[in-house]
PDB file of N, CA and C in Angstrom:
ATOM      1  N   MET A   1     144.041 -32.039 -71.170  1.00  0.00           N
ATOM      2  CA  MET A   1     143.810 -32.805 -72.360  1.00  0.00           C
ATOM      3  C   MET A   1     142.351 -33.215 -72.492  1.00  0.00           C
ATOM      4  N   ALA A   2     141.643 -33.388 -71.412  1.00  0.00           N
ATOM      5  CA  ALA A   2     140.246 -33.785 -71.477  1.00  0.00           C
ATOM      6  C   ALA A   2     139.418 -32.723 -72.193  1.00  0.00           C
ATOM      7  N   ASN A   3     139.750 -31.455 -72.009  1.00  0.00           N
ATOM      8  CA  ASN A   3     139.013 -30.378 -72.672  1.00  0.00           C
ATOM      9  C   ASN A   3     139.202 -30.428 -74.183  1.00  0.00           C
ATOM     10  N   GLU A   4     140.380 -30.806 -74.632  1.00  0.00           N
ATOM     11  CA  GLU A   4     140.623 -30.897 -76.067  1.00  0.00           C
ATOM     12  C   GLU A   4     139.775 -31.992 -76.705  1.00  0.00           C
ATOM     13  N   ALA A   5     139.613 -33.109 -76.038  1.00  0.00           N
ATOM     14  CA  ALA A   5     138.798 -34.202 -76.566  1.00  0.00           C
ATOM     15  C   ALA A   5     137.333 -33.788 -76.645  1.00  0.00           C
ATOM     16  N   GLU A   6     136.856 -33.053 -75.668  1.00  0.00           N
ATOM     17  CA  GLU A   6     135.477 -32.581 -75.694  1.00  0.00           C
ATOM     18  C   GLU A   6     135.284 -31.547 -76.794  1.00  0.00           C
ATOM     19  N   ALA A   7     136.262 -30.701 -77.029  1.00  0.00           N
ATOM     20  CA  ALA A   7     136.155 -29.675 -78.049  1.00  0.00           C
ATOM     21  C   ALA A   7     136.065 -30.302 -79.436  1.00  0.00           C
ATOM     22  N   VAL A   8     136.710 -31.417 -79.647  1.00  0.00           N
ATOM     23  CA  VAL A   8     136.678 -32.084 -80.942  1.00  0.00           C
ATOM     24  C   VAL A   8     135.303 -32.717 -81.177  1.00  0.00           C
ATOM     25  N   ALA A   9     134.646 -33.161 -80.146  1.00  0.00           N
ATOM     26  CA  ALA A   9     133.379 -33.862 -80.272  1.00  0.00           C
ATOM     27  C   ALA A   9     132.212 -32.944 -80.639  1.00  0.00           C
ATOM     28  N   ARG A  10     132.299 -31.673 -80.342  1.00  0.00           N
ATOM     29  CA  ARG A  10     131.162 -30.785 -80.641  1.00  0.00           C
ATOM     30  C   ARG A  10     131.157 -30.413 -82.120  1.00  0.00           C
ATOM     31  N   PRO A  11     129.967 -30.206 -82.692  1.00  0.00           N
ATOM     32  CA  PRO A  11     129.892 -29.903 -84.118  1.00  0.00           C
ATOM     33  C   PRO A  11     130.435 -28.504 -84.434  1.00  0.00           C
ATOM     34  N   MET A  12     130.928 -28.367 -85.645  1.00  0.00           N
ATOM     35  CA  MET A  12     131.450 -27.073 -86.078  1.00  0.00           C
ATOM     36  C   MET A  12     130.306 -26.089 -86.257  1.00  0.00           C
ATOM     37  N   LYS A  13     130.584 -24.788 -86.109  1.00  0.00           N
ATOM     38  CA  LYS A  13     129.559 -23.778 -86.353  1.00  0.00           C
ATOM     39  C   LYS A  13     129.186 -23.776 -87.827  1.00  0.00           C
ATOM     40  N   TYR A  14     130.175 -23.887 -88.680  1.00  0.00           N
ATOM     41  CA  TYR A  14     129.934 -24.033 -90.105  1.00  0.00           C
ATOM     42  C   TYR A  14     130.827 -25.153 -90.628  1.00  0.00           C
ATOM     43  N   PRO A  15     130.252 -26.197 -91.207  1.00  0.00           N
ATOM     44  CA  PRO A  15     131.074 -27.308 -91.712  1.00  0.00           C
ATOM     45  C   PRO A  15     131.751 -26.916 -93.032  1.00  0.00           C
ATOM     46  N   TYR A  16     133.050 -26.793 -93.011  1.00  0.00           N
ATOM     47  CA  TYR A  16     133.787 -26.336 -94.190  1.00  0.00           C
ATOM     48  C   TYR A  16     134.046 -27.460 -95.184  1.00  0.00           C
ATOM     49  N   THR A  17     134.313 -28.646 -94.725  1.00  0.00           N
ATOM     50  CA  THR A  17     134.658 -29.732 -95.629  1.00  0.00           C
ATOM     51  C   THR A  17     133.395 -30.464 -96.084  1.00  0.00           C
ATOM     52  N   PHE A  18     133.508 -31.138 -97.216  1.00  0.00           N
ATOM     53  CA  PHE A  18     132.370 -31.879 -97.757  1.00  0.00           C
ATOM     54  C   PHE A  18     131.929 -32.984 -96.801  1.00  0.00           C
ATOM     55  N   SER A  19     132.906 -33.699 -96.226  1.00  0.00           N
ATOM     56  CA  SER A  19     132.549 -34.788 -95.309  1.00  0.00           C
ATOM     57  C   SER A  19     131.851 -34.252 -94.063  1.00  0.00           C
ATOM     58  N   ALA A  20     132.240 -33.074 -93.590  1.00  0.00           N
ATOM     59  CA  ALA A  20     131.571 -32.483 -92.431  1.00  0.00           C
ATOM     60  C   ALA A  20     130.139 -32.073 -92.788  1.00  0.00           C
ATOM     61  N   LYS A  21     129.948 -31.587 -94.008  1.00  0.00           N
ATOM     62  CA  LYS A  21     128.596 -31.231 -94.451  1.00  0.00           C
ATOM     63  C   LYS A  21     127.706 -32.465 -94.552  1.00  0.00           C
ATOM     64  N   VAL A  22     128.252 -33.551 -95.084  1.00  0.00           N
ATOM     65  CA  VAL A  22     127.487 -34.795 -95.186  1.00  0.00           C
ATOM     66  C   VAL A  22     127.155 -35.329 -93.798  1.00  0.00           C
ATOM     67  N   ALA A  23     128.124 -35.249 -92.881  1.00  0.00           N
ATOM     68  CA  ALA A  23     127.913 -35.764 -91.525  1.00  0.00           C
ATOM     69  C   ALA A  23     126.826 -34.977 -90.793  1.00  0.00           C
ATOM     70  N   GLN A  24     126.695 -33.692 -91.078  1.00  0.00           N
ATOM     71  CA  GLN A  24     125.708 -32.874 -90.375  1.00  0.00           C
ATOM     72  C   GLN A  24     124.384 -32.741 -91.125  1.00  0.00           C
ATOM     73  N   PHE A  25     124.270 -33.332 -92.303  1.00  0.00           N
ATOM     74  CA  PHE A  25     123.030 -33.232 -93.071  1.00  0.00           C
ATOM     75  C   PHE A  25     121.930 -34.016 -92.357  1.00  0.00           C
ATOM     76  N   PRO A  26     120.746 -33.429 -92.222  1.00  0.00           N
ATOM     77  CA  PRO A  26     119.656 -34.103 -91.490  1.00  0.00           C
ATOM     78  C   PRO A  26     118.910 -35.134 -92.357  1.00  0.00           C
ATOM     79  N   PHE A  27     119.554 -36.262 -92.634  1.00  0.00           N
ATOM     80  CA  PHE A  27     118.959 -37.283 -93.496  1.00  0.00           C
ATOM     81  C   PHE A  27     117.628 -37.785 -92.957  1.00  0.00           C
ATOM     82  N   LYS A  28     117.560 -38.051 -91.672  1.00  0.00           N
ATOM     83  CA  LYS A  28     116.338 -38.607 -91.082  1.00  0.00           C
ATOM     84  C   LYS A  28     115.164 -37.644 -91.243  1.00  0.00           C
ATOM     85  N   PHE A  29     115.408 -36.357 -91.057  1.00  0.00           N
ATOM     86  CA  PHE A  29     114.350 -35.359 -91.212  1.00  0.00           C
ATOM     87  C   PHE A  29     113.809 -35.364 -92.634  1.00  0.00           C
ATOM     88  N   TYR A  30     114.707 -35.365 -93.623  1.00  0.00           N
ATOM     89  CA  TYR A  30     114.271 -35.337 -95.014  1.00  0.00           C
ATOM     90  C   TYR A  30     113.558 -36.625 -95.413  1.00  0.00           C
ATOM     91  N   LEU A  31     114.021 -37.772 -94.936  1.00  0.00           N
ATOM     92  CA  LEU A  31     113.346 -39.027 -95.259  1.00  0.00           C
ATOM     93  C   LEU A  31     111.941 -39.080 -94.660  1.00  0.00           C
ATOM     94  N   ASN A  32     111.777 -38.503 -93.481  1.00  0.00           N
ATOM     95  CA  ASN A  32     110.462 -38.525 -92.826  1.00  0.00           C
ATOM     96  C   ASN A  32     109.510 -37.463 -93.359  1.00  0.00           C
ATOM     97  N   ASN A  33     110.031 -36.342 -93.854  1.00  0.00           N
ATOM     98  CA  ASN A  33     109.170 -35.205 -94.192  1.00  0.00           C
ATOM     99  C   ASN A  33     109.138 -34.833 -95.665  1.00  0.00           C
ATOM    100  N   SER A  34     109.888 -35.483 -96.504  1.00  0.00           N
ATOM    101  CA  SER A  34     109.908 -35.127 -97.915  1.00  0.00           C
ATOM    102  C   SER A  34     109.597 -36.355 -98.762  1.00  0.00           C
ATOM    103  N   TRP A  35     108.545 -36.263 -99.567  1.00  0.00           N
ATOM    104  CA  TRP A  35     108.160 -37.388-100.413  1.00  0.00           C
ATOM    105  C   TRP A  35     109.226 -37.658-101.463  1.00  0.00           C
ATOM    106  N   LEU A  36     109.949 -36.643-101.898  1.00  0.00           N
ATOM    107  CA  LEU A  36     110.932 -36.799-102.959  1.00  0.00           C
ATOM    108  C   LEU A  36     112.043 -37.759-102.564  1.00  0.00           C
ATOM    109  N   TYR A  37     112.585 -37.614-101.372  1.00  0.00           N
ATOM    110  CA  TYR A  37     113.659 -38.497-100.914  1.00  0.00           C
ATOM    111  C   TYR A  37     113.150 -39.916-100.708  1.00  0.00           C
ATOM    112  N   ARG A  38     111.956 -40.036-100.155  1.00  0.00           N
ATOM    113  CA  ARG A  38     111.402 -41.353 -99.890  1.00  0.00           C
ATOM    114  C   ARG A  38     111.186 -42.127-101.190  1.00  0.00           C
ATOM    115  N   TYR A  39     110.566 -41.485-102.179  1.00  0.00           N
ATOM    116  CA  TYR A  39     110.279 -42.170-103.431  1.00  0.00           C
ATOM    117  C   TYR A  39     111.525 -42.339-104.293  1.00  0.00           C
ATOM    118  N   TYR A  40     112.554 -41.540-104.062  1.00  0.00           N
ATOM    119  CA  TYR A  40     113.812 -41.730-104.782  1.00  0.00           C
ATOM    120  C   TYR A  40     114.394 -43.102-104.464  1.00  0.00           C
ATOM    121  N   PHE A  41     114.445 -43.456-103.201  1.00  0.00           N
ATOM    122  CA  PHE A  41     114.996 -44.747-102.808  1.00  0.00           C
ATOM    123  C   PHE A  41     114.108 -45.898-103.282  1.00  0.00           C
ATOM    124  N   ILE A  42     112.800 -45.705-103.279  1.00  0.00           N
ATOM    125  CA  ILE A  42     111.895 -46.726-103.789  1.00  0.00           C
ATOM    126  C   ILE A  42     112.112 -46.906-105.296  1.00  0.00           C
ATOM    127  N   ALA A  43     112.244 -45.805-106.022  1.00  0.00           N
ATOM    128  CA  ALA A  43     112.443 -45.866-107.473  1.00  0.00           C
ATOM    129  C   ALA A  43     113.765 -46.532-107.829  1.00  0.00           C
ATOM    130  N   VAL A  44     114.806 -46.247-107.068  1.00  0.00           N
ATOM    131  CA  VAL A  44     116.097 -46.897-107.323  1.00  0.00           C
ATOM    132  C   VAL A  44     115.976 -48.396-107.104  1.00  0.00           C
ATOM    133  N   GLY A  45     115.316 -48.796-106.033  1.00  0.00           N
ATOM    134  CA  GLY A  45     115.145 -50.215-105.746  1.00  0.00           C
ATOM    135  C   GLY A  45     114.330 -50.942-106.809  1.00  0.00           C
ATOM    136  N   VAL A  46     113.326 -50.275-107.361  1.00  0.00           N
ATOM    137  CA  VAL A  46     112.495 -50.900-108.390  1.00  0.00           C
ATOM    138  C   VAL A  46     113.219 -50.928-109.736  1.00  0.00           C
ATOM    139  N   SER A  47     113.999 -49.893-110.047  1.00  0.00           N
ATOM    140  CA  SER A  47     114.609 -49.799-111.374  1.00  0.00           C
ATOM    141  C   SER A  47     115.883 -50.629-111.521  1.00  0.00           C
ATOM    142  N   ILE A  48     116.563 -50.956-110.448  1.00  0.00           N
ATOM    143  CA  ILE A  48     117.800 -51.744-110.559  1.00  0.00           C
ATOM    144  C   ILE A  48     117.560 -53.089-111.247  1.00  0.00           C
ATOM    145  N   PRO A  49     116.539 -53.876-110.889  1.00  0.00           N
ATOM    146  CA  PRO A  49     116.327 -55.139-111.615  1.00  0.00           C
ATOM    147  C   PRO A  49     115.973 -54.924-113.089  1.00  0.00           C
ATOM    148  N   ILE A  50     115.259 -53.854-113.388  1.00  0.00           N
ATOM    149  CA  ILE A  50     114.893 -53.573-114.783  1.00  0.00           C
ATOM    150  C   ILE A  50     116.140 -53.259-115.598  1.00  0.00           C
ATOM    151  N   PHE A  51     117.011 -52.388-115.082  1.00  0.00           N
ATOM    152  CA  PHE A  51     118.242 -52.051-115.794  1.00  0.00           C
ATOM    153  C   PHE A  51     119.178 -53.250-115.885  1.00  0.00           C
ATOM    154  N   TYR A  52     119.175 -54.102-114.880  1.00  0.00           N
ATOM    155  CA  TYR A  52     119.997 -55.317-114.922  1.00  0.00           C
ATOM    156  C   TYR A  52     119.535 -56.226-116.058  1.00  0.00           C
ATOM    157  N   LYS A  53     118.232 -56.392-116.195  1.00  0.00           N
ATOM    158  CA  LYS A  53     117.685 -57.234-117.259  1.00  0.00           C
ATOM    159  C   LYS A  53     118.008 -56.645-118.633  1.00  0.00           C
ATOM    160  N   ILE A  54     117.880 -55.342-118.798  1.00  0.00           N
ATOM    161  CA  ILE A  54     118.221 -54.688-120.064  1.00  0.00           C
ATOM    162  C   ILE A  54     119.697 -54.889-120.382  1.00  0.00           C
ATOM    163  N   GLN A  55     120.548 -54.754-119.383  1.00  0.00           N
ATOM    164  CA  GLN A  55     121.983 -54.934-119.567  1.00  0.00           C
ATOM    165  C   GLN A  55     122.306 -56.367-119.995  1.00  0.00           C
ATOM    166  N   LYS A  56     121.665 -57.345-119.357  1.00  0.00           N
ATOM    167  CA  LYS A  56     121.900 -58.749-119.722  1.00  0.00           C
ATOM    168  C   LYS A  56     121.452 -59.020-121.160  1.00  0.00           C
ATOM    169  N   LEU A  57     120.307 -58.465-121.571  1.00  0.00           N
ATOM    170  CA  LEU A  57     119.823 -58.666-122.926  1.00  0.00           C
ATOM    171  C   LEU A  57     120.717 -57.970-123.953  1.00  0.00           C
ATOM    172  N   ALA A  58     121.173 -56.772-123.645  1.00  0.00           N
ATOM    173  CA  ALA A  58     122.009 -56.017-124.580  1.00  0.00           C
ATOM    174  C   ALA A  58     123.375 -56.660-124.758  1.00  0.00           C
ATOM    175  N   ASN A  59     123.910 -57.302-123.740  1.00  0.00           N
ATOM    176  CA  ASN A  59     125.243 -57.910-123.820  1.00  0.00           C
ATOM    177  C   ASN A  59     125.208 -59.410-124.051  1.00  0.00           C
ATOM    178  N   SER A  60     124.070 -59.934-124.462  1.00  0.00           N
ATOM    179  CA  SER A  60     123.997 -61.367-124.734  1.00  0.00           C
ATOM    180  C   SER A  60     124.773 -61.672-126.013  1.00  0.00           C
ATOM    181  N   PRO A  61     125.328 -62.876-126.129  1.00  0.00           N
ATOM    182  CA  PRO A  61     126.090 -63.230-127.339  1.00  0.00           C
ATOM    183  C   PRO A  61     125.255 -63.128-128.618  1.00  0.00           C
ATOM    184  N   ALA A  62     123.978 -63.495-128.560  1.00  0.00           N
ATOM    185  CA  ALA A  62     123.120 -63.407-129.742  1.00  0.00           C
ATOM    186  C   ALA A  62     122.950 -61.957-130.195  1.00  0.00           C
ATOM    187  N   ASN A  63     122.767 -61.049-129.245  1.00  0.00           N
ATOM    188  CA  ASN A  63     122.598 -59.648-129.591  1.00  0.00           C
ATOM    189  C   ASN A  63     123.904 -59.054-130.122  1.00  0.00           C
ATOM    190  N   LYS A  64     125.028 -59.455-129.550  1.00  0.00           N
ATOM    191  CA  LYS A  64     126.317 -58.964-130.044  1.00  0.00           C
ATOM    192  C   LYS A  64     126.560 -59.424-131.475  1.00  0.00           C
ATOM    193  N   ALA A  65     126.202 -60.678-131.783  1.00  0.00           N
ATOM    194  CA  ALA A  65     126.364 -61.185-133.149  1.00  0.00           C
ATOM    195  C   ALA A  65     125.443 -60.439-134.115  1.00  0.00           C
ATOM    196  N   LYS A  66     124.207 -60.201-133.692  1.00  0.00           N
ATOM    197  CA  LYS A  66     123.254 -59.460-134.526  1.00  0.00           C
ATOM    198  C   LYS A  66     123.765 -58.048-134.792  1.00  0.00           C
ATOM    199  N   TRP A  67     124.306 -57.400-133.776  1.00  0.00           N
ATOM    200  CA  TRP A  67     124.829 -56.039-133.901  1.00  0.00           C
ATOM    201  C   TRP A  67     126.042 -56.012-134.841  1.00  0.00           C
ATOM    202  N   ALA A  68     126.936 -57.006-134.716  1.00  0.00           N
ATOM    203  CA  ALA A  68     128.111 -57.063-135.584  1.00  0.00           C
ATOM    204  C   ALA A  68     127.686 -57.273-137.034  1.00  0.00           C
ATOM    205  N   GLU A  69     126.685 -58.114-137.274  1.00  0.00           N
ATOM    206  CA  GLU A  69     126.188 -58.351-138.633  1.00  0.00           C
ATOM    207  C   GLU A  69     125.561 -57.085-139.209  1.00  0.00           C
ATOM    208  N   MET A  70     124.815 -56.372-138.392  1.00  0.00           N
ATOM    209  CA  MET A  70     124.194 -55.134-138.831  1.00  0.00           C
ATOM    210  C   MET A  70     125.266 -54.099-139.208  1.00  0.00           C
ATOM    211  N   LYS A  71     126.301 -53.996-138.391  1.00  0.00           N
ATOM    212  CA  LYS A  71     127.391 -53.056-138.680  1.00  0.00           C
ATOM    213  C   LYS A  71     128.182 -53.490-139.921  1.00  0.00           C
ATOM    214  N   ARG A  72     128.343 -54.808-140.122  1.00  0.00           N
ATOM    215  CA  ARG A  72     129.051 -55.306-141.291  1.00  0.00           C
ATOM    216  C   ARG A  72     128.290 -54.949-142.561  1.00  0.00           C
ATOM    217  N   LYS A  73     126.957 -55.131-142.558  1.00  0.00           N
ATOM    218  CA  LYS A  73     126.131 -54.778-143.713  1.00  0.00           C
ATOM    219  C   LYS A  73     126.179 -53.275-143.986  1.00  0.00           C
ATOM    220  N   GLU A  74     126.139 -52.494-142.916  1.00  0.00           N
ATOM    221  CA  GLU A  74     126.192 -51.043-143.064  1.00  0.00           C
ATOM    222  C   GLU A  74     127.516 -50.606-143.671  1.00  0.00           C
ATOM    223  N   ALA A  75     128.605 -51.213-143.231  1.00  0.00           N
ATOM    224  CA  ALA A  75     129.921 -50.885-143.776  1.00  0.00           C
ATOM    225  C   ALA A  75     130.024 -51.311-145.234  1.00  0.00           C
ATOM    226  N   ALA A  76     129.416 -52.462-145.593  1.00  0.00           N
ATOM    227  CA  ALA A  76     129.453 -52.933-146.968  1.00  0.00           C
ATOM    228  C   ALA A  76     128.681 -52.013-147.896  1.00  0.00           C
ATOM    229  N   GLU A  77     127.597 -51.425-147.414  1.00  0.00           N
ATOM    230  CA  GLU A  77     126.793 -50.493-148.233  1.00  0.00           C
ATOM    231  C   GLU A  77     127.575 -49.223-148.537  1.00  0.00           C
ATOM    232  N   HIS A  78     128.374 -48.779-147.625  1.00  0.00           N
ATOM    233  CA  HIS A  78     129.111 -47.523-147.808  1.00  0.00           C
ATOM    234  C   HIS A  78     130.352 -47.694-148.664  1.00  0.00           C
ATOM    235  N   HIS A  79     130.803 -48.912-148.897  1.00  0.00           N
ATOM    236  CA  HIS A  79     132.024 -49.122-149.694  1.00  0.00           C
ATOM    237  C   HIS A  79     131.713 -49.625-151.054  1.00  0.00           C
TER     238      HIS A  79
END
């Protein structure tokens, strides 16, 4: 039985499943050697507060009322 446990621990020659591919992907290598991956995470971190602020402004009660009034006027023009 000890041999079976060791056989499970070694990596597959070719990872067939998606989770096995993700587990064997060399994330550390790409983060250290590729500017694209490094700046992707920086860009996500910088853009999250910006998108949060836009979302808060777009869903504010004042903006919703303004949007409803604009749509009401537009509907009145067409009828």
